[in-house]
Amino acid sequence: MYEKNKGAKGIWLRVKMNFLCARVRITVPVSAKETLSAYCSENAGHYASLVVGTIGALCIAKYLWKWRGIKEKIRYKQGKCRKAIQNLQESLDKNGPSENDVELITSLSFEELHSKLQKGELKAVDVLKAFQTKALKKNEDLNFMVEPITEAMAIAVDLDKVPPNKRGPLHGIPISVKENYYIKGYDSTGGLSNFLFKPRSEDGHMITVLKELGAIPFVRTNIPQSMMTFECSNPIYGTTFNPHNLTRGPGGSSGGEGAILGSEASLLGWGSDIGGSLRIPSHFCGVCCLKPTAGRLGFQSTEELVRGQTLVVATIGPMARDVYTLGKVMEAVWSSMLFQMDTSIPPLPFNHELYDSSDSLCIGYYDSDGYVPPIPGVKRGLNLAVEALRRKGHTLVPFEVPDPRGMFCKLFAGAVFGDGGKNFISQLSEDVVDSSIQMLIYAYKFPNFLLRPLSYIVSLVHKDEVPGQQMRSMLGGESISGWWELAHEIQKYKLEFERLWKEKGLDAIVCPVMPFVASPIGAVKFLLGGATYTTLYNVLNYPAGCVPVTRVTAIDEKEMENYPSTTLTEKFVRKYYSSETTGLPVSVQCVALPFRDEMALRVMRDLETELKKPRRK
């Protein structure tokens, strides 16, 4: 082909080839084919490097573009939330209540507020504005607010038009709602950017029922990323702080609810619980809650990120300032409306025979479940509860929890993380990961063949078998038969616990919520062993409520000098609870048998009533 080129065209081609060959320092071959072959062979490495480099650059560019997109999506959501808060603030600045009115309304008990709303002495609009104003103010320090619910005012306006004889049992009561609840037009993210900008097309069942009863959802509250920790932080909405001590967290995963209720910027809230997510924030923030029997309020109200497994399941539940509120709310929601809406819910209305009874009860108690010892303030709180219930006329008998370590590591963790963390990792694979769960992500990404031997090393370092067992439970089920065996082990544990319960003739149990009080921000990852106290009643599916009994004193703090320090968890407890805990709330759990939720509420009510009585000196 080279030789066939004649005239000007041929001369120009020869000039180009000579120039090319001079650059690559080769002798001009006889034919163009040989020239090209020689050039390519001598520069193959260069071409290969160029191709690999180009592919690598494209991959890096794609990776950076993806993360840029994720961060932009988060920033956009943050901007929308800030704007919604700003708009509400501007509206209230123009036409809001006075400081005096805010304090008068928000300090009313549920009973007092309910009465005034029913009689028309207060308007729903004025009550809503008072709680919105206080929530915005408290949120400046605590960051419990994800965003205000903009439709709240329209609901309040409509409620004020309802005649007194047609007002629902929750008429005009503003309620705060955990971020994972389904609300039409709002995302339910669980702190994960993957769920952003996927608003619900309709309200979930509980929000629908609450609205029909006259309640006004007015604000959505913060959660930890993934909702599988009792920290309260995520990359979208940030970190929430404890209303009693800004260096400590409010608990989780219903941490935003704990903070808004603990700061008295809400009267009634709704959260959810799969391992203590209602009870831990209530304990840390000094408010009441009820974790109902799972299934008694249905499963179609919230976004729960642990999907598919049915051995240990989440349940929704209320949080409030006092037990009276919880009782009235549960009486209202356990109605034909809810049962018709979700036919999977057992049609069991509120059991007044259990709740209203004044019969003497036999109540079991323990101040330690046998794993992480309680700090002095928690132990003293349990003793106060026991003595108060005795004064109320009940019989209190000691109770011992069977195998709390096995329950936590093998049964709870084995069920909740039975897929080896695949669901957990898949949801976070393309997301900014919050520091509160970073260690868990690292553990799940660790190769399985190394994780098992490492787990035994961890147990040796901790001087505690539980952390190692937890790591091995993260390997997940190895077969269907293994999953069936886990289900069988959980059933056996339930039967053994029930046998011990009946052997002592118990009606209820009272015990600590956790072995310690509110934890410092960022410290939860070192204190996970304390969750044995709450996860027990998720594994058993027993209803459990939480009621405040006291606060940590300087004497309690001083007595931390005698706290054990054998295991690494105990050393962390000593580190975090030997100072700066005075004044933090202490609560206890009140537990009943499945579907006897009203019994748990009754014990909580008796305890709260007795503790409020003035004591003779």
Foldseek 3Di string as FASTA:
>chain_A
DLVPDDDPRSVVVVVVLVVVCVVVVDDDDPDPVVSVVVVCVVCVVVVVVVVVVVVVVVVVVVVVVLLVVLVVLLVVLLVVQVVQLVVLVVVCVVPADDPVLLCVLLPDAQVVNLVCPLVVVDALLNSLRSLSVLLSVLCVQFLFFSHWDVCLNVLSVVLNVDDSVPAASCASAEEEEELFWQAAPHFRQLQFSVRPPVHDNHGWLVVVLCVVRHYGHTTYTFADRLQPFQFTAHPRRGHGAAPQDRQFFLTARSRSRLRCQLSSSHFKYKDKDQQCRQPQSCFQSFWKWKQAQPQQQHDGTGDRLQPDFDLFDMHMIMIGRALVVRLSVQQSRLDVSSCVVDVSHPSDHDDCCQQVDLDAFEAEEDADQPDAAAFLVQSVLRVLLVVLSVVSVHHYDYDHQPPLLCCVLPQSLLRSLQVLCPSVCVSPVSGDGDPLCVVVNVLSPPDPVPQLVVLVVVCVQQVHNRSSSNSNSSRHAPDPVSVVVSSVVLVVSLVVVVVRCVVSPGFKYKYFSWSYHTFGNSCRVLQVVRSSSRNVCSSNSWMKMKHWRDFDALVSLCVLVPQDDDGSSSVSCSVGRNDDRGGGITMMMMTGGHPVSSNRSNSSNSSVVSSPDDDDD
